[in-house]
Amino acid sequence: MTWLVVGLGNPGPAYASTRHNVGYFVAEVLATRTGGSWKKDKSGRADVIEGRLAGERVVLGRSRSFMNESGGPVSSLTKFFDVEPDHLIVIHDELDIDFGMLRAKFGGGDNGHNGLKSIRQSIGTGDFFRVRVGIGRPAGRQSVHDFVLKPYTAAERKDLPTYVEEAADAVESLIAHGLEPTQSAFNR
């Protein structure tokens, strides 16, 4: 059975270092671990790498569309690679978790996350795995929209590589060991 692992983010250099793109950062680490290189999928709506992680066949994906349109590319990938939702892992930023913290879960709502909302609508279910990478909430009266589309602070950038590696480890743990052991090891 193939696993589909999708890192959410926004394409293009203007968004490359933003909090909303942490899913892309984790996907890059996983890409390095597979030894593959990104190729445009047949639809042209996503980049993919086919390889192995944790001893299993995996397709890594990242949408070429904006976050709120992630569902179309993810749906196309699930159909093309014949992946059921219970073998889909979506990596995304999470406002309700502090920076430096992770949560693995299966199913649930979209909690206001437009990328998750789009995926749920496109594949017809929310029953897929998520690696939720905490970015925290904006301080003061800063809008959420502005906060997620701003780069990490200098202090956050210092810790970000370790944090992203840990999120990649959580993805591999989900594939190798399942949800409960992954939650025990990574949910804090």
C-alpha atoms as a PDB file:
ATOM      1  CA  MET A   1       0.000   0.000   0.000  1.00  0.00           C
ATOM      2  CA  THR A   2       1.311   3.439  -0.948  1.00  0.00           C
ATOM      3  CA  TRP A   3       1.401   6.354   1.498  1.00  0.00           C
ATOM      4  CA  LEU A   4       0.800   9.887   0.240  1.00  0.00           C
ATOM      5  CA  VAL A   5       2.525  12.568   2.339  1.00  0.00           C
ATOM      6  CA  VAL A   6       1.620  16.148   1.445  1.00  0.00           C
ATOM      7  CA  GLY A   7       3.293  19.245   2.847  1.00  0.00           C
ATOM      8  CA  LEU A   8       1.016  22.266   2.666  1.00  0.00           C
ATOM      9  CA  GLY A   9       2.198  25.745   1.739  1.00  0.00           C
ATOM     10  CA  ASN A  10       2.018  28.483  -0.857  1.00  0.00           C
ATOM     11  CA  PRO A  11       4.153  28.388  -4.017  1.00  0.00           C
ATOM     12  CA  GLY A  12       6.607  31.080  -5.026  1.00  0.00           C
ATOM     13  CA  PRO A  13       9.460  33.059  -3.525  1.00  0.00           C
ATOM     14  CA  ALA A  14       7.198  35.610  -1.814  1.00  0.00           C
ATOM     15  CA  TYR A  15       5.959  32.876   0.551  1.00  0.00           C
ATOM     16  CA  ALA A  16       9.081  30.725   0.800  1.00  0.00           C
ATOM     17  CA  SER A  17      10.049  31.669   4.365  1.00  0.00           C
ATOM     18  CA  THR A  18       6.589  32.171   5.882  1.00  0.00           C
ATOM     19  CA  ARG A  19       4.962  30.295   8.752  1.00  0.00           C
ATOM     20  CA  HIS A  20       2.247  29.029   6.418  1.00  0.00           C
ATOM     21  CA  ASN A  21       4.913  27.098   4.481  1.00  0.00           C
ATOM     22  CA  VAL A  22       6.181  24.903   7.289  1.00  0.00           C
ATOM     23  CA  GLY A  23       4.540  21.907   5.575  1.00  0.00           C
ATOM     24  CA  TYR A  24       6.781  22.555   2.563  1.00  0.00           C
ATOM     25  CA  PHE A  25       9.835  22.726   4.869  1.00  0.00           C
ATOM     26  CA  VAL A  26       9.047  19.297   6.327  1.00  0.00           C
ATOM     27  CA  ALA A  27       8.407  17.886   2.843  1.00  0.00           C
ATOM     28  CA  GLU A  28      11.879  19.119   1.808  1.00  0.00           C
ATOM     29  CA  VAL A  29      13.484  17.200   4.686  1.00  0.00           C
ATOM     30  CA  LEU A  30      11.543  14.072   3.703  1.00  0.00           C
ATOM     31  CA  ALA A  31      12.585  14.576   0.071  1.00  0.00           C
ATOM     32  CA  THR A  32      16.224  14.557   1.158  1.00  0.00           C
ATOM     33  CA  ARG A  33      15.626  11.378   3.153  1.00  0.00           C
ATOM     34  CA  THR A  34      14.169   9.612   0.089  1.00  0.00           C
ATOM     35  CA  GLY A  35      17.046  10.773  -2.098  1.00  0.00           C
ATOM     36  CA  GLY A  36      14.549  11.864  -4.758  1.00  0.00           C
ATOM     37  CA  SER A  37      14.010  15.120  -6.591  1.00  0.00           C
ATOM     38  CA  TRP A  38      10.746  16.955  -7.183  1.00  0.00           C
ATOM     39  CA  LYS A  39       8.981  16.459 -10.516  1.00  0.00           C
ATOM     40  CA  LYS A  40       5.772  18.013 -11.780  1.00  0.00           C
ATOM     41  CA  ASP A  41       2.927  15.485 -11.636  1.00  0.00           C
ATOM     42  CA  LYS A  42       0.938  14.724 -14.796  1.00  0.00           C
ATOM     43  CA  SER A  43      -1.791  17.233 -13.906  1.00  0.00           C
ATOM     44  CA  GLY A  44       0.770  20.009 -13.405  1.00  0.00           C
ATOM     45  CA  ARG A  45      -0.943  20.917 -10.126  1.00  0.00           C
ATOM     46  CA  ALA A  46       1.610  19.389  -7.756  1.00  0.00           C
ATOM     47  CA  ASP A  47       5.236  18.383  -7.416  1.00  0.00           C
ATOM     48  CA  VAL A  48       5.912  14.781  -6.402  1.00  0.00           C
ATOM     49  CA  ILE A  49       8.672  12.407  -5.413  1.00  0.00           C
ATOM     50  CA  GLU A  50       8.194   8.656  -5.391  1.00  0.00           C
ATOM     51  CA  GLY A  51      10.413   6.795  -2.969  1.00  0.00           C
ATOM     52  CA  ARG A  52      10.621   4.941   0.322  1.00  0.00           C
ATOM     53  CA  LEU A  53      10.363   6.117   3.913  1.00  0.00           C
ATOM     54  CA  ALA A  54      10.360   3.878   6.969  1.00  0.00           C
ATOM     55  CA  GLY A  55      10.578   0.892   4.607  1.00  0.00           C
ATOM     56  CA  GLU A  56       7.302   1.737   2.855  1.00  0.00           C
ATOM     57  CA  ARG A  57       6.458   3.045  -0.611  1.00  0.00           C
ATOM     58  CA  VAL A  58       5.715   6.761  -0.350  1.00  0.00           C
ATOM     59  CA  VAL A  59       4.683   9.558  -2.668  1.00  0.00           C
ATOM     60  CA  LEU A  60       5.659  12.975  -1.353  1.00  0.00           C
ATOM     61  CA  GLY A  61       3.588  15.850  -2.645  1.00  0.00           C
ATOM     62  CA  ARG A  62       3.402  19.606  -2.468  1.00  0.00           C
ATOM     63  CA  SER A  63       0.710  21.594  -4.180  1.00  0.00           C
ATOM     64  CA  ARG A  64       1.535  24.131  -6.886  1.00  0.00           C
ATOM     65  CA  SER A  65      -1.652  25.989  -5.969  1.00  0.00           C
ATOM     66  CA  PHE A  66      -2.240  28.333  -3.069  1.00  0.00           C
ATOM     67  CA  MET A  67      -3.095  26.978   0.374  1.00  0.00           C
ATOM     68  CA  ASN A  68      -6.847  27.522   0.109  1.00  0.00           C
ATOM     69  CA  GLU A  69      -6.897  25.492  -3.146  1.00  0.00           C
ATOM     70  CA  SER A  70      -4.875  22.510  -1.852  1.00  0.00           C
ATOM     71  CA  GLY A  71      -7.781  20.101  -2.146  1.00  0.00           C
ATOM     72  CA  GLY A  72      -7.758  19.797  -5.933  1.00  0.00           C
ATOM     73  CA  PRO A  73      -4.107  18.756  -6.199  1.00  0.00           C
ATOM     74  CA  VAL A  74      -4.363  16.438  -3.171  1.00  0.00           C
ATOM     75  CA  SER A  75      -7.490  14.794  -4.592  1.00  0.00           C
ATOM     76  CA  SER A  76      -5.753  14.329  -7.955  1.00  0.00           C
ATOM     77  CA  LEU A  77      -2.774  12.682  -6.264  1.00  0.00           C
ATOM     78  CA  THR A  78      -4.938  10.322  -4.190  1.00  0.00           C
ATOM     79  CA  LYS A  79      -6.738   9.210  -7.346  1.00  0.00           C
ATOM     80  CA  PHE A  80      -3.656   8.911  -9.561  1.00  0.00           C
ATOM     81  CA  PHE A  81      -1.648   6.932  -6.991  1.00  0.00           C
ATOM     82  CA  ASP A  82      -4.714   5.026  -5.712  1.00  0.00           C
ATOM     83  CA  VAL A  83      -4.251   6.156  -2.102  1.00  0.00           C
ATOM     84  CA  GLU A  84      -7.096   5.805   0.382  1.00  0.00           C
ATOM     85  CA  PRO A  85      -7.587   8.598   2.955  1.00  0.00           C
ATOM     86  CA  ASP A  86      -6.292   6.325   5.745  1.00  0.00           C
ATOM     87  CA  HIS A  87      -2.897   6.375   3.966  1.00  0.00           C
ATOM     88  CA  LEU A  88      -2.800  10.160   3.511  1.00  0.00           C
ATOM     89  CA  ILE A  89      -0.632  12.307   5.815  1.00  0.00           C
ATOM     90  CA  VAL A  90      -1.000  16.078   5.580  1.00  0.00           C
ATOM     91  CA  ILE A  91       1.648  18.291   7.194  1.00  0.00           C
ATOM     92  CA  HIS A  92       0.425  21.782   8.052  1.00  0.00           C
ATOM     93  CA  ASP A  93       0.891  24.821  10.269  1.00  0.00           C
ATOM     94  CA  GLU A  94      -1.291  25.051  13.372  1.00  0.00           C
ATOM     95  CA  LEU A  95      -2.122  28.306  15.178  1.00  0.00           C
ATOM     96  CA  ASP A  96      -3.495  26.582  18.285  1.00  0.00           C
ATOM     97  CA  ILE A  97      -0.187  24.872  19.052  1.00  0.00           C
ATOM     98  CA  ASP A  98       2.809  26.851  20.303  1.00  0.00           C
ATOM     99  CA  PHE A  99       5.897  27.197  18.147  1.00  0.00           C
ATOM    100  CA  GLY A 100       8.207  24.236  18.785  1.00  0.00           C
ATOM    101  CA  MET A 101       5.386  21.798  19.511  1.00  0.00           C
ATOM    102  CA  LEU A 102       3.894  19.056  17.301  1.00  0.00           C
ATOM    103  CA  ARG A 103       0.739  16.992  17.306  1.00  0.00           C
ATOM    104  CA  ALA A 104      -0.077  13.922  15.253  1.00  0.00           C
ATOM    105  CA  LYS A 105      -3.730  13.040  14.868  1.00  0.00           C
ATOM    106  CA  PHE A 106      -6.223  11.229  12.674  1.00  0.00           C
ATOM    107  CA  GLY A 107      -9.394  12.909  11.477  1.00  0.00           C
ATOM    108  CA  GLY A 108     -11.114  15.934  12.902  1.00  0.00           C
ATOM    109  CA  GLY A 109     -12.298  19.247  11.563  1.00  0.00           C
ATOM    110  CA  ASP A 110     -10.380  21.924   9.741  1.00  0.00           C
ATOM    111  CA  ASN A 111     -10.227  24.336  12.730  1.00  0.00           C
ATOM    112  CA  GLY A 112     -10.375  27.316  10.357  1.00  0.00           C
ATOM    113  CA  HIS A 113      -7.401  26.122   8.284  1.00  0.00           C
ATOM    114  CA  ASN A 114      -8.298  26.799   4.652  1.00  0.00           C
ATOM    115  CA  GLY A 115      -5.907  24.171   3.276  1.00  0.00           C
ATOM    116  CA  LEU A 116      -7.518  21.443   5.389  1.00  0.00           C
ATOM    117  CA  LYS A 117     -10.985  22.727   4.518  1.00  0.00           C
ATOM    118  CA  SER A 118     -10.179  22.487   0.805  1.00  0.00           C
ATOM    119  CA  ILE A 119      -8.795  18.950   1.176  1.00  0.00           C
ATOM    120  CA  ARG A 120     -11.829  17.779   3.184  1.00  0.00           C
ATOM    121  CA  GLN A 121     -14.169  19.160   0.519  1.00  0.00           C
ATOM    122  CA  SER A 122     -12.193  17.660  -2.362  1.00  0.00           C
ATOM    123  CA  ILE A 123     -11.677  14.140  -1.018  1.00  0.00           C
ATOM    124  CA  GLY A 124     -15.027  14.006   0.793  1.00  0.00           C
ATOM    125  CA  THR A 125     -13.683  13.223   4.264  1.00  0.00           C
ATOM    126  CA  GLY A 126     -11.534  14.539   7.073  1.00  0.00           C
ATOM    127  CA  ASP A 127     -10.421  11.031   7.988  1.00  0.00           C
ATOM    128  CA  PHE A 128      -6.746  11.311   7.182  1.00  0.00           C
ATOM    129  CA  PHE A 129      -3.596  11.727   9.274  1.00  0.00           C
ATOM    130  CA  ARG A 130      -2.254  15.152  10.120  1.00  0.00           C
ATOM    131  CA  VAL A 131       1.089  16.280  11.458  1.00  0.00           C
ATOM    132  CA  ARG A 132       0.210  19.622  12.995  1.00  0.00           C
ATOM    133  CA  VAL A 133       3.249  21.872  13.297  1.00  0.00           C
ATOM    134  CA  GLY A 134       2.729  24.614  15.867  1.00  0.00           C
ATOM    135  CA  ILE A 135       3.285  28.217  14.887  1.00  0.00           C
ATOM    136  CA  GLY A 136       1.404  29.810  17.811  1.00  0.00           C
ATOM    137  CA  ARG A 137      -1.009  32.706  17.666  1.00  0.00           C
ATOM    138  CA  PRO A 138      -0.137  36.285  16.731  1.00  0.00           C
ATOM    139  CA  ALA A 139       0.545  38.658  19.598  1.00  0.00           C
ATOM    140  CA  GLY A 140      -1.727  41.615  20.205  1.00  0.00           C
ATOM    141  CA  ARG A 141      -4.102  42.648  17.477  1.00  0.00           C
ATOM    142  CA  GLN A 142      -2.150  41.346  14.475  1.00  0.00           C
ATOM    143  CA  SER A 143      -4.454  39.552  12.056  1.00  0.00           C
ATOM    144  CA  VAL A 144      -4.047  35.809  11.634  1.00  0.00           C
ATOM    145  CA  HIS A 145      -3.763  36.276   7.857  1.00  0.00           C
ATOM    146  CA  ASP A 146      -0.808  38.651   8.245  1.00  0.00           C
ATOM    147  CA  PHE A 147       0.814  36.471  10.897  1.00  0.00           C
ATOM    148  CA  VAL A 148       0.841  33.228   8.869  1.00  0.00           C
ATOM    149  CA  LEU A 149       2.164  35.027   5.787  1.00  0.00           C
ATOM    150  CA  LYS A 150       5.081  36.656   7.611  1.00  0.00           C
ATOM    151  CA  PRO A 151       8.518  35.080   7.922  1.00  0.00           C
ATOM    152  CA  TYR A 152       9.599  33.471  11.171  1.00  0.00           C
ATOM    153  CA  THR A 153      11.379  35.725  13.660  1.00  0.00           C
ATOM    154  CA  ALA A 154      15.171  35.520  13.993  1.00  0.00           C
ATOM    155  CA  ALA A 155      14.801  33.585  17.259  1.00  0.00           C
ATOM    156  CA  GLU A 156      12.367  31.119  15.646  1.00  0.00           C
ATOM    157  CA  ARG A 157      14.613  30.653  12.594  1.00  0.00           C
ATOM    158  CA  LYS A 158      17.400  29.542  14.921  1.00  0.00           C
ATOM    159  CA  ASP A 159      15.293  26.611  16.225  1.00  0.00           C
ATOM    160  CA  LEU A 160      13.296  25.923  13.061  1.00  0.00           C
ATOM    161  CA  PRO A 161      15.662  23.354  11.448  1.00  0.00           C
ATOM    162  CA  THR A 162      15.544  21.099  14.534  1.00  0.00           C
ATOM    163  CA  TYR A 163      11.797  21.490  14.765  1.00  0.00           C
ATOM    164  CA  VAL A 164      11.277  20.649  11.068  1.00  0.00           C
ATOM    165  CA  GLU A 165      13.490  17.530  11.404  1.00  0.00           C
ATOM    166  CA  GLU A 166      11.363  16.414  14.352  1.00  0.00           C
ATOM    167  CA  ALA A 167       8.173  16.860  12.296  1.00  0.00           C
ATOM    168  CA  ALA A 168       9.734  14.725   9.538  1.00  0.00           C
ATOM    169  CA  ASP A 169      10.550  12.097  12.181  1.00  0.00           C
ATOM    170  CA  ALA A 170       6.882  12.158  13.253  1.00  0.00           C
ATOM    171  CA  VAL A 171       5.786  11.479   9.657  1.00  0.00           C
ATOM    172  CA  GLU A 172       8.130   8.496   9.424  1.00  0.00           C
ATOM    173  CA  SER A 173       6.883   7.250  12.786  1.00  0.00           C
ATOM    174  CA  LEU A 174       3.258   7.387  11.581  1.00  0.00           C
ATOM    175  CA  ILE A 175       4.217   5.268   8.578  1.00  0.00           C
ATOM    176  CA  ALA A 176       6.338   2.786  10.535  1.00  0.00           C
ATOM    177  CA  HIS A 177       4.523   2.507  13.867  1.00  0.00           C
ATOM    178  CA  GLY A 178       1.037   3.999  13.566  1.00  0.00           C
ATOM    179  CA  LEU A 179      -0.792   6.727  15.446  1.00  0.00           C
ATOM    180  CA  GLU A 180      -0.615   5.819  19.144  1.00  0.00           C
ATOM    181  CA  PRO A 181       3.157   5.237  19.321  1.00  0.00           C
ATOM    182  CA  THR A 182       3.702   8.420  17.297  1.00  0.00           C
ATOM    183  CA  GLN A 183       1.476  10.437  19.597  1.00  0.00           C
ATOM    184  CA  SER A 184       3.300   9.034  22.641  1.00  0.00           C
ATOM    185  CA  ALA A 185       6.665   9.979  21.159  1.00  0.00           C
ATOM    186  CA  PHE A 186       5.855  13.382  19.615  1.00  0.00           C
ATOM    187  CA  ASN A 187       2.709  14.940  21.106  1.00  0.00           C
ATOM    188  CA  ARG A 188       3.780  17.119  24.029  1.00  0.00           C
END
